[in-house]
Amino acid sequence: MTVTASYEGPCVFMKQWRLALKNRDLISGIILLVVGAAVFLKSLSYPIGTFRTPGAGLFPLIASILLLSLSAILTLQAFLSRKGKGLAPAPFFPEKGASRRILLGFAGLVGYRYLLPVVGFAPSTGIFILFLIKFLGGYGWKASIFFSVVTAVIAYYLFQVWLKIPMPLPILRF
């Protein structure tokens, strides 16, 4: 009587690992863990201070610990939910056109960054919010313009009038 064991080696493990990595929660959790660790390490290079007299590194330290904790939970949940189930991967972008919307949102942020010193805080904020609401949110022109103007006015009064945070002066003054 001969007993033969079937050894498939590390190839099976690698296939399963690749399939498990297609899970968007697992990928997102791992990326956020790396970002949280980088922010945590960088925040240690700044003075921490105390809660009564916080240093420049206290808020990033607390935020990074929170990010590390939540992303570890997300990663663990995603990894454990894949065990015992079929390894059919979920698509990373479940909705059609989601990757396009993400790229447009990122392009809007970059445009906002470069528009801010040219026209100032309130107008560039209004244009940015108009772009987000109209082109990414799919609302009509009236609602988009209304909410962008309201948001720009509220942001202006919140940051420049109430909190007295200096914003960059515009190059183009009207």
N, C-alpha and C. Protein backbone atom coordinates (compact mmCIF):
# COMPACT_ATOMS: atom_id res chain seq x y z
N MET A 1 0.84 -1.17 0.00
CA MET A 1 0.00 0.00 0.00
C MET A 1 0.89 1.24 0.00
N THR A 2 0.66 2.05 -0.97
CA THR A 2 1.46 3.26 -1.11
C THR A 2 0.58 4.48 -0.87
N VAL A 3 1.05 5.33 -0.03
CA VAL A 3 0.32 6.57 0.25
C VAL A 3 1.08 7.70 -0.42
N THR A 4 0.39 8.42 -1.25
CA THR A 4 1.03 9.56 -1.91
C THR A 4 0.35 10.84 -1.41
N ALA A 5 1.17 11.71 -1.04
CA ALA A 5 0.64 13.00 -0.59
C ALA A 5 0.78 14.00 -1.73
N SER A 6 -0.22 14.76 -1.85
CA SER A 6 -0.19 15.77 -2.90
C SER A 6 0.35 17.07 -2.30
N TYR A 7 1.51 17.46 -2.74
CA TYR A 7 2.12 18.69 -2.28
C TYR A 7 2.09 19.69 -3.42
N GLU A 8 1.38 20.76 -3.20
CA GLU A 8 1.25 21.75 -4.25
C GLU A 8 2.22 22.90 -4.06
N GLY A 9 2.85 22.96 -2.92
CA GLY A 9 3.90 23.94 -2.70
C GLY A 9 3.40 25.36 -2.52
N PRO A 10 4.33 26.29 -2.59
CA PRO A 10 3.99 27.69 -2.33
C PRO A 10 3.16 28.34 -3.43
N CYS A 11 3.04 27.68 -4.58
CA CYS A 11 2.27 28.28 -5.67
C CYS A 11 0.80 28.47 -5.28
N VAL A 12 0.24 27.47 -4.59
CA VAL A 12 -1.16 27.58 -4.17
C VAL A 12 -1.32 28.73 -3.19
N PHE A 13 -0.37 28.84 -2.25
CA PHE A 13 -0.43 29.94 -1.30
C PHE A 13 -0.35 31.28 -2.01
N MET A 14 0.51 31.41 -3.00
CA MET A 14 0.64 32.67 -3.72
C MET A 14 -0.63 33.00 -4.50
N LYS A 15 -1.26 31.99 -5.10
CA LYS A 15 -2.51 32.24 -5.82
C LYS A 15 -3.60 32.73 -4.86
N GLN A 16 -3.69 32.06 -3.71
CA GLN A 16 -4.70 32.46 -2.74
C GLN A 16 -4.40 33.86 -2.21
N TRP A 17 -3.12 34.15 -2.00
CA TRP A 17 -2.73 35.46 -1.51
C TRP A 17 -3.08 36.55 -2.52
N ARG A 18 -2.81 36.29 -3.79
CA ARG A 18 -3.14 37.27 -4.82
C ARG A 18 -4.65 37.50 -4.89
N LEU A 19 -5.42 36.41 -4.76
CA LEU A 19 -6.87 36.57 -4.79
C LEU A 19 -7.35 37.34 -3.57
N ALA A 20 -6.76 37.05 -2.41
CA ALA A 20 -7.17 37.75 -1.19
C ALA A 20 -6.79 39.23 -1.27
N LEU A 21 -5.69 39.55 -1.93
CA LEU A 21 -5.28 40.95 -2.03
C LEU A 21 -6.19 41.76 -2.91
N LYS A 22 -7.01 41.10 -3.70
CA LYS A 22 -7.94 41.85 -4.54
C LYS A 22 -9.11 42.38 -3.73
N ASN A 23 -9.20 41.99 -2.52
CA ASN A 23 -10.26 42.49 -1.66
C ASN A 23 -9.95 43.95 -1.31
N ARG A 24 -10.84 44.84 -1.62
CA ARG A 24 -10.58 46.27 -1.44
C ARG A 24 -10.39 46.66 0.01
N ASP A 25 -11.06 46.02 0.94
CA ASP A 25 -10.88 46.35 2.34
C ASP A 25 -9.48 45.98 2.81
N LEU A 26 -9.01 44.85 2.37
CA LEU A 26 -7.68 44.41 2.76
C LEU A 26 -6.62 45.34 2.18
N ILE A 27 -6.76 45.69 0.93
CA ILE A 27 -5.80 46.61 0.29
C ILE A 27 -5.84 47.97 0.96
N SER A 28 -7.03 48.49 1.18
CA SER A 28 -7.17 49.80 1.82
C SER A 28 -6.59 49.77 3.24
N GLY A 29 -6.88 48.71 3.96
CA GLY A 29 -6.36 48.60 5.33
C GLY A 29 -4.85 48.58 5.38
N ILE A 30 -4.23 47.86 4.47
CA ILE A 30 -2.76 47.79 4.44
C ILE A 30 -2.17 49.14 4.06
N ILE A 31 -2.75 49.80 3.07
CA ILE A 31 -2.25 51.12 2.67
C ILE A 31 -2.39 52.12 3.82
N LEU A 32 -3.53 52.09 4.50
CA LEU A 32 -3.73 53.01 5.62
C LEU A 32 -2.82 52.69 6.80
N LEU A 33 -2.49 51.41 6.98
CA LEU A 33 -1.51 51.05 8.02
C LEU A 33 -0.15 51.66 7.71
N VAL A 34 0.26 51.59 6.46
CA VAL A 34 1.56 52.17 6.07
C VAL A 34 1.54 53.69 6.24
N VAL A 35 0.46 54.34 5.81
CA VAL A 35 0.36 55.79 5.97
C VAL A 35 0.35 56.17 7.45
N GLY A 36 -0.41 55.44 8.25
CA GLY A 36 -0.46 55.71 9.69
C GLY A 36 0.89 55.54 10.36
N ALA A 37 1.64 54.51 9.95
CA ALA A 37 2.97 54.30 10.53
C ALA A 37 3.92 55.42 10.13
N ALA A 38 3.82 55.88 8.88
CA ALA A 38 4.69 56.98 8.43
C ALA A 38 4.38 58.26 9.19
N VAL A 39 3.09 58.57 9.37
CA VAL A 39 2.71 59.78 10.11
C VAL A 39 3.12 59.66 11.57
N PHE A 40 2.96 58.47 12.14
CA PHE A 40 3.37 58.23 13.54
C PHE A 40 4.86 58.50 13.71
N LEU A 41 5.68 57.93 12.84
CA LEU A 41 7.12 58.11 12.95
C LEU A 41 7.52 59.56 12.73
N LYS A 42 6.90 60.24 11.78
CA LYS A 42 7.21 61.64 11.52
C LYS A 42 6.77 62.53 12.68
N SER A 43 5.64 62.22 13.31
CA SER A 43 5.15 63.05 14.41
C SER A 43 6.07 62.97 15.63
N LEU A 44 6.84 61.90 15.75
CA LEU A 44 7.77 61.78 16.87
C LEU A 44 8.96 62.72 16.73
N SER A 45 9.19 63.25 15.52
CA SER A 45 10.30 64.18 15.32
C SER A 45 9.93 65.61 15.75
N TYR A 46 8.67 65.86 16.05
CA TYR A 46 8.21 67.16 16.51
C TYR A 46 8.00 67.12 18.02
N PRO A 47 8.05 68.27 18.69
CA PRO A 47 7.77 68.26 20.13
C PRO A 47 6.31 67.90 20.39
N ILE A 48 6.11 66.96 21.31
CA ILE A 48 4.76 66.48 21.61
C ILE A 48 4.03 67.43 22.56
N GLY A 49 4.71 67.83 23.63
CA GLY A 49 4.07 68.70 24.61
C GLY A 49 3.11 67.91 25.48
N THR A 50 2.16 68.60 26.07
CA THR A 50 1.12 67.96 26.89
C THR A 50 -0.24 68.37 26.33
N PHE A 51 -1.29 67.83 26.94
CA PHE A 51 -2.62 68.21 26.49
C PHE A 51 -2.93 69.67 26.83
N ARG A 52 -2.35 70.19 27.90
CA ARG A 52 -2.58 71.60 28.27
C ARG A 52 -1.75 72.54 27.40
N THR A 53 -0.55 72.12 27.06
CA THR A 53 0.31 72.91 26.17
C THR A 53 0.80 71.99 25.05
N PRO A 54 -0.05 71.76 24.05
CA PRO A 54 0.32 70.81 23.00
C PRO A 54 1.44 71.34 22.11
N GLY A 55 2.30 70.42 21.72
CA GLY A 55 3.35 70.75 20.77
C GLY A 55 2.87 70.45 19.36
N ALA A 56 3.74 70.70 18.41
CA ALA A 56 3.37 70.51 17.00
C ALA A 56 3.14 69.05 16.65
N GLY A 57 3.67 68.13 17.44
CA GLY A 57 3.54 66.72 17.12
C GLY A 57 2.39 66.01 17.81
N LEU A 58 1.67 66.69 18.70
CA LEU A 58 0.63 66.00 19.46
C LEU A 58 -0.55 65.58 18.59
N PHE A 59 -1.09 66.51 17.80
CA PHE A 59 -2.25 66.16 16.97
C PHE A 59 -1.91 65.09 15.94
N PRO A 60 -0.78 65.20 15.21
CA PRO A 60 -0.44 64.12 14.27
C PRO A 60 -0.22 62.78 14.97
N LEU A 61 0.33 62.81 16.18
CA LEU A 61 0.53 61.57 16.93
C LEU A 61 -0.80 60.91 17.27
N ILE A 62 -1.73 61.69 17.78
CA ILE A 62 -3.05 61.14 18.14
C ILE A 62 -3.78 60.66 16.89
N ALA A 63 -3.73 61.46 15.82
CA ALA A 63 -4.40 61.07 14.57
C ALA A 63 -3.79 59.80 13.99
N SER A 64 -2.46 59.68 14.07
CA SER A 64 -1.82 58.49 13.51
C SER A 64 -2.13 57.24 14.34
N ILE A 65 -2.21 57.39 15.65
CA ILE A 65 -2.58 56.24 16.49
C ILE A 65 -4.00 55.81 16.19
N LEU A 66 -4.90 56.76 16.01
CA LEU A 66 -6.28 56.44 15.65
C LEU A 66 -6.33 55.77 14.27
N LEU A 67 -5.58 56.31 13.31
CA LEU A 67 -5.55 55.72 11.97
C LEU A 67 -4.95 54.32 12.00
N LEU A 68 -3.88 54.12 12.75
CA LEU A 68 -3.27 52.80 12.86
C LEU A 68 -4.25 51.79 13.48
N SER A 69 -4.95 52.22 14.51
CA SER A 69 -5.90 51.32 15.19
C SER A 69 -7.04 50.92 14.26
N LEU A 70 -7.65 51.91 13.63
CA LEU A 70 -8.80 51.62 12.76
C LEU A 70 -8.40 50.83 11.52
N SER A 71 -7.24 51.14 10.95
CA SER A 71 -6.82 50.39 9.77
C SER A 71 -6.40 48.97 10.14
N ALA A 72 -5.85 48.77 11.34
CA ALA A 72 -5.54 47.40 11.79
C ALA A 72 -6.82 46.59 11.95
N ILE A 73 -7.85 47.22 12.49
CA ILE A 73 -9.14 46.54 12.63
C ILE A 73 -9.72 46.21 11.26
N LEU A 74 -9.67 47.16 10.32
CA LEU A 74 -10.17 46.94 8.97
C LEU A 74 -9.41 45.81 8.29
N THR A 75 -8.09 45.81 8.40
CA THR A 75 -7.27 44.77 7.78
C THR A 75 -7.57 43.41 8.38
N LEU A 76 -7.66 43.35 9.68
CA LEU A 76 -7.95 42.08 10.36
C LEU A 76 -9.33 41.55 9.98
N GLN A 77 -10.33 42.43 9.96
CA GLN A 77 -11.67 42.01 9.57
C GLN A 77 -11.69 41.51 8.13
N ALA A 78 -11.02 42.21 7.24
CA ALA A 78 -11.00 41.81 5.83
C ALA A 78 -10.28 40.48 5.67
N PHE A 79 -9.19 40.30 6.39
CA PHE A 79 -8.44 39.05 6.28
C PHE A 79 -9.23 37.88 6.84
N LEU A 80 -9.87 38.08 7.99
CA LEU A 80 -10.63 37.00 8.60
C LEU A 80 -11.91 36.67 7.84
N SER A 81 -12.52 37.67 7.20
CA SER A 81 -13.75 37.42 6.46
C SER A 81 -13.49 36.63 5.20
N ARG A 82 -12.26 36.61 4.72
CA ARG A 82 -11.91 35.88 3.51
C ARG A 82 -11.70 34.40 3.80
N LYS A 83 -11.38 34.05 5.05
CA LYS A 83 -11.14 32.64 5.39
C LYS A 83 -12.46 31.90 5.44
N GLY A 84 -12.45 30.70 4.96
CA GLY A 84 -13.63 29.86 5.02
C GLY A 84 -14.65 30.16 3.96
N LYS A 85 -14.46 31.20 3.20
CA LYS A 85 -15.39 31.54 2.13
C LYS A 85 -14.69 31.32 0.81
N GLY A 86 -15.45 31.34 -0.22
CA GLY A 86 -14.83 31.28 -1.53
C GLY A 86 -13.96 32.51 -1.73
N LEU A 87 -12.89 32.35 -2.44
CA LEU A 87 -11.96 33.44 -2.61
C LEU A 87 -12.24 34.27 -3.84
N ALA A 88 -13.49 34.38 -4.20
CA ALA A 88 -13.83 35.22 -5.34
C ALA A 88 -13.58 36.67 -4.96
N PRO A 89 -12.72 37.35 -5.69
CA PRO A 89 -12.37 38.71 -5.31
C PRO A 89 -13.48 39.70 -5.60
N ALA A 90 -13.58 40.66 -4.70
CA ALA A 90 -14.51 41.76 -4.94
C ALA A 90 -13.76 42.82 -5.73
N PRO A 91 -14.41 43.49 -6.65
CA PRO A 91 -13.70 44.52 -7.40
C PRO A 91 -13.32 45.69 -6.49
N PHE A 92 -12.17 46.28 -6.76
CA PHE A 92 -11.70 47.39 -5.92
C PHE A 92 -12.59 48.61 -6.10
N PHE A 93 -13.01 48.88 -7.33
CA PHE A 93 -13.95 49.97 -7.61
C PHE A 93 -15.27 49.33 -8.02
N PRO A 94 -16.22 49.17 -7.08
CA PRO A 94 -17.44 48.44 -7.39
C PRO A 94 -18.37 49.16 -8.36
N GLU A 95 -18.37 50.48 -8.37
CA GLU A 95 -19.26 51.21 -9.25
C GLU A 95 -18.56 51.52 -10.57
N LYS A 96 -19.34 51.54 -11.61
CA LYS A 96 -18.78 51.90 -12.91
C LYS A 96 -18.41 53.38 -12.90
N GLY A 97 -17.23 53.70 -13.35
CA GLY A 97 -16.77 55.07 -13.40
C GLY A 97 -16.20 55.59 -12.10
N ALA A 98 -16.04 54.73 -11.09
CA ALA A 98 -15.54 55.20 -9.80
C ALA A 98 -14.09 55.67 -9.90
N SER A 99 -13.28 54.97 -10.67
CA SER A 99 -11.88 55.38 -10.80
C SER A 99 -11.79 56.75 -11.50
N ARG A 100 -12.66 57.00 -12.45
CA ARG A 100 -12.70 58.30 -13.13
C ARG A 100 -13.08 59.41 -12.16
N ARG A 101 -14.05 59.14 -11.30
CA ARG A 101 -14.49 60.13 -10.32
C ARG A 101 -13.39 60.43 -9.31
N ILE A 102 -12.65 59.41 -8.92
CA ILE A 102 -11.55 59.61 -7.98
C ILE A 102 -10.47 60.47 -8.61
N LEU A 103 -10.14 60.18 -9.86
CA LEU A 103 -9.13 60.98 -10.56
C LEU A 103 -9.59 62.42 -10.76
N LEU A 104 -10.87 62.61 -11.06
CA LEU A 104 -11.40 63.97 -11.19
C LEU A 104 -11.36 64.71 -9.86
N GLY A 105 -11.69 64.02 -8.78
CA GLY A 105 -11.62 64.63 -7.46
C GLY A 105 -10.20 65.04 -7.10
N PHE A 106 -9.23 64.18 -7.42
CA PHE A 106 -7.83 64.51 -7.17
C PHE A 106 -7.39 65.69 -8.04
N ALA A 107 -7.82 65.70 -9.30
CA ALA A 107 -7.49 66.82 -10.18
C ALA A 107 -8.11 68.12 -9.65
N GLY A 108 -9.31 68.03 -9.09
CA GLY A 108 -9.94 69.20 -8.49
C GLY A 108 -9.15 69.73 -7.30
N LEU A 109 -8.62 68.82 -6.48
CA LEU A 109 -7.78 69.24 -5.35
C LEU A 109 -6.51 69.93 -5.82
N VAL A 110 -5.88 69.37 -6.84
CA VAL A 110 -4.67 69.98 -7.38
C VAL A 110 -4.99 71.36 -7.97
N GLY A 111 -6.11 71.45 -8.71
CA GLY A 111 -6.52 72.73 -9.26
C GLY A 111 -6.81 73.75 -8.16
N TYR A 112 -7.44 73.32 -7.08
CA TYR A 112 -7.73 74.20 -5.94
C TYR A 112 -6.44 74.72 -5.33
N ARG A 113 -5.46 73.85 -5.21
CA ARG A 113 -4.17 74.23 -4.62
C ARG A 113 -3.50 75.33 -5.45
N TYR A 114 -3.57 75.22 -6.77
CA TYR A 114 -2.92 76.22 -7.62
C TYR A 114 -3.80 77.45 -7.87
N LEU A 115 -5.10 77.33 -7.70
CA LEU A 115 -6.00 78.47 -7.87
C LEU A 115 -6.03 79.35 -6.62
N LEU A 116 -5.80 78.77 -5.46
CA LEU A 116 -5.89 79.48 -4.18
C LEU A 116 -5.00 80.72 -4.12
N PRO A 117 -3.71 80.65 -4.47
CA PRO A 117 -2.92 81.89 -4.39
C PRO A 117 -3.22 82.89 -5.51
N VAL A 118 -3.88 82.45 -6.56
CA VAL A 118 -4.14 83.35 -7.68
C VAL A 118 -5.37 84.21 -7.42
N VAL A 119 -6.48 83.61 -7.01
CA VAL A 119 -7.72 84.38 -6.83
C VAL A 119 -8.13 84.54 -5.37
N GLY A 120 -7.48 83.86 -4.45
CA GLY A 120 -7.80 84.00 -3.04
C GLY A 120 -8.63 82.84 -2.52
N PHE A 121 -8.85 82.87 -1.20
CA PHE A 121 -9.48 81.75 -0.50
C PHE A 121 -10.95 81.56 -0.87
N ALA A 122 -11.76 82.57 -0.71
CA ALA A 122 -13.20 82.42 -0.91
C ALA A 122 -13.57 82.07 -2.36
N PRO A 123 -13.05 82.79 -3.36
CA PRO A 123 -13.42 82.42 -4.73
C PRO A 123 -12.94 81.02 -5.14
N SER A 124 -11.71 80.67 -4.76
CA SER A 124 -11.21 79.35 -5.14
C SER A 124 -11.97 78.24 -4.42
N THR A 125 -12.39 78.49 -3.17
CA THR A 125 -13.19 77.51 -2.45
C THR A 125 -14.55 77.35 -3.12
N GLY A 126 -15.15 78.45 -3.53
CA GLY A 126 -16.43 78.38 -4.24
C GLY A 126 -16.32 77.61 -5.55
N ILE A 127 -15.26 77.87 -6.31
CA ILE A 127 -15.07 77.17 -7.58
C ILE A 127 -14.83 75.68 -7.34
N PHE A 128 -14.05 75.36 -6.32
CA PHE A 128 -13.76 73.96 -6.00
C PHE A 128 -15.03 73.22 -5.59
N ILE A 129 -15.82 73.83 -4.73
CA ILE A 129 -17.08 73.19 -4.29
C ILE A 129 -18.06 73.08 -5.46
N LEU A 130 -18.11 74.10 -6.31
CA LEU A 130 -18.95 74.03 -7.51
C LEU A 130 -18.55 72.84 -8.38
N PHE A 131 -17.25 72.68 -8.58
CA PHE A 131 -16.74 71.54 -9.36
C PHE A 131 -17.16 70.21 -8.74
N LEU A 132 -16.98 70.09 -7.43
CA LEU A 132 -17.33 68.83 -6.75
C LEU A 132 -18.82 68.53 -6.85
N ILE A 133 -19.64 69.54 -6.57
CA ILE A 133 -21.09 69.30 -6.54
C ILE A 133 -21.65 69.08 -7.93
N LYS A 134 -21.23 69.88 -8.89
CA LYS A 134 -21.80 69.79 -10.23
C LYS A 134 -21.29 68.57 -10.99
N PHE A 135 -19.98 68.41 -11.05
CA PHE A 135 -19.42 67.39 -11.92
C PHE A 135 -19.23 66.03 -11.25
N LEU A 136 -19.01 66.01 -9.95
CA LEU A 136 -18.87 64.73 -9.27
C LEU A 136 -20.14 64.32 -8.55
N GLY A 137 -20.92 65.31 -8.11
CA GLY A 137 -22.17 65.00 -7.42
C GLY A 137 -23.35 64.87 -8.35
N GLY A 138 -23.25 65.47 -9.52
CA GLY A 138 -24.32 65.34 -10.50
C GLY A 138 -25.54 66.20 -10.24
N TYR A 139 -25.42 67.26 -9.45
CA TYR A 139 -26.55 68.13 -9.18
C TYR A 139 -26.70 69.15 -10.30
N GLY A 140 -27.84 69.82 -10.32
CA GLY A 140 -28.10 70.85 -11.33
C GLY A 140 -27.30 72.11 -11.04
N TRP A 141 -27.32 73.03 -12.02
CA TRP A 141 -26.54 74.25 -11.90
C TRP A 141 -27.02 75.13 -10.74
N LYS A 142 -28.33 75.27 -10.57
CA LYS A 142 -28.85 76.15 -9.51
C LYS A 142 -28.41 75.67 -8.13
N ALA A 143 -28.59 74.39 -7.85
CA ALA A 143 -28.20 73.84 -6.55
C ALA A 143 -26.69 73.91 -6.37
N SER A 144 -25.95 73.63 -7.42
CA SER A 144 -24.48 73.64 -7.34
C SER A 144 -23.96 75.04 -7.03
N ILE A 145 -24.48 76.04 -7.74
CA ILE A 145 -24.04 77.42 -7.50
C ILE A 145 -24.45 77.88 -6.11
N PHE A 146 -25.68 77.57 -5.71
CA PHE A 146 -26.15 77.97 -4.38
C PHE A 146 -25.25 77.40 -3.28
N PHE A 147 -25.02 76.09 -3.31
CA PHE A 147 -24.22 75.46 -2.26
C PHE A 147 -22.75 75.88 -2.31
N SER A 148 -22.22 76.14 -3.48
CA SER A 148 -20.83 76.58 -3.56
C SER A 148 -20.67 77.98 -2.98
N VAL A 149 -21.62 78.87 -3.26
CA VAL A 149 -21.56 80.23 -2.71
C VAL A 149 -21.74 80.19 -1.19
N VAL A 150 -22.71 79.43 -0.72
CA VAL A 150 -22.95 79.32 0.73
C VAL A 150 -21.73 78.74 1.43
N THR A 151 -21.14 77.71 0.86
CA THR A 151 -19.96 77.09 1.46
C THR A 151 -18.79 78.06 1.49
N ALA A 152 -18.57 78.78 0.41
CA ALA A 152 -17.45 79.73 0.35
C ALA A 152 -17.63 80.85 1.38
N VAL A 153 -18.85 81.36 1.52
CA VAL A 153 -19.11 82.44 2.48
C VAL A 153 -18.93 81.93 3.91
N ILE A 154 -19.47 80.75 4.21
CA ILE A 154 -19.32 80.19 5.56
C ILE A 154 -17.85 79.90 5.86
N ALA A 155 -17.13 79.33 4.90
CA ALA A 155 -15.70 79.04 5.11
C ALA A 155 -14.91 80.32 5.33
N TYR A 156 -15.23 81.36 4.56
CA TYR A 156 -14.55 82.65 4.72
C TYR A 156 -14.76 83.20 6.12
N TYR A 157 -16.01 83.25 6.58
CA TYR A 157 -16.29 83.79 7.90
C TYR A 157 -15.73 82.90 9.00
N LEU A 158 -15.75 81.62 8.80
CA LEU A 158 -15.23 80.71 9.82
C LEU A 158 -13.72 80.88 9.98
N PHE A 159 -12.99 80.82 8.88
CA PHE A 159 -11.53 80.82 8.97
C PHE A 159 -10.91 82.21 9.04
N GLN A 160 -11.39 83.15 8.26
CA GLN A 160 -10.74 84.46 8.21
C GLN A 160 -11.32 85.45 9.21
N VAL A 161 -12.59 85.40 9.48
CA VAL A 161 -13.19 86.37 10.39
C VAL A 161 -13.22 85.85 11.82
N TRP A 162 -13.77 84.67 12.02
CA TRP A 162 -13.95 84.16 13.38
C TRP A 162 -12.64 83.62 13.95
N LEU A 163 -11.96 82.72 13.24
CA LEU A 163 -10.72 82.13 13.75
C LEU A 163 -9.49 82.99 13.45
N LYS A 164 -9.63 83.97 12.57
CA LYS A 164 -8.55 84.88 12.20
C LYS A 164 -7.31 84.13 11.70
N ILE A 165 -7.54 83.15 10.84
CA ILE A 165 -6.46 82.40 10.22
C ILE A 165 -6.06 83.13 8.95
N PRO A 166 -4.80 83.53 8.84
CA PRO A 166 -4.39 84.25 7.64
C PRO A 166 -4.35 83.31 6.43
N MET A 167 -5.04 83.71 5.39
CA MET A 167 -5.04 82.94 4.15
C MET A 167 -4.15 83.64 3.15
N PRO A 168 -3.67 82.93 2.14
CA PRO A 168 -2.80 83.58 1.15
C PRO A 168 -3.52 84.71 0.44
N LEU A 169 -2.80 85.81 0.25
CA LEU A 169 -3.37 86.95 -0.48
C LEU A 169 -3.36 86.61 -1.97
N PRO A 170 -4.43 86.98 -2.66
CA PRO A 170 -4.48 86.64 -4.08
C PRO A 170 -3.52 87.49 -4.90
N ILE A 171 -2.98 86.89 -5.94
CA ILE A 171 -2.12 87.62 -6.88
C ILE A 171 -2.97 88.59 -7.68
N LEU A 172 -4.12 88.10 -8.13
CA LEU A 172 -5.06 88.93 -8.90
C LEU A 172 -6.02 89.59 -7.92
N ARG A 173 -5.96 90.87 -7.82
CA ARG A 173 -6.90 91.59 -6.93
C ARG A 173 -7.91 92.31 -7.79
N PHE A 174 -9.16 92.07 -7.53
CA PHE A 174 -10.22 92.64 -8.35
C PHE A 174 -10.65 93.98 -7.83
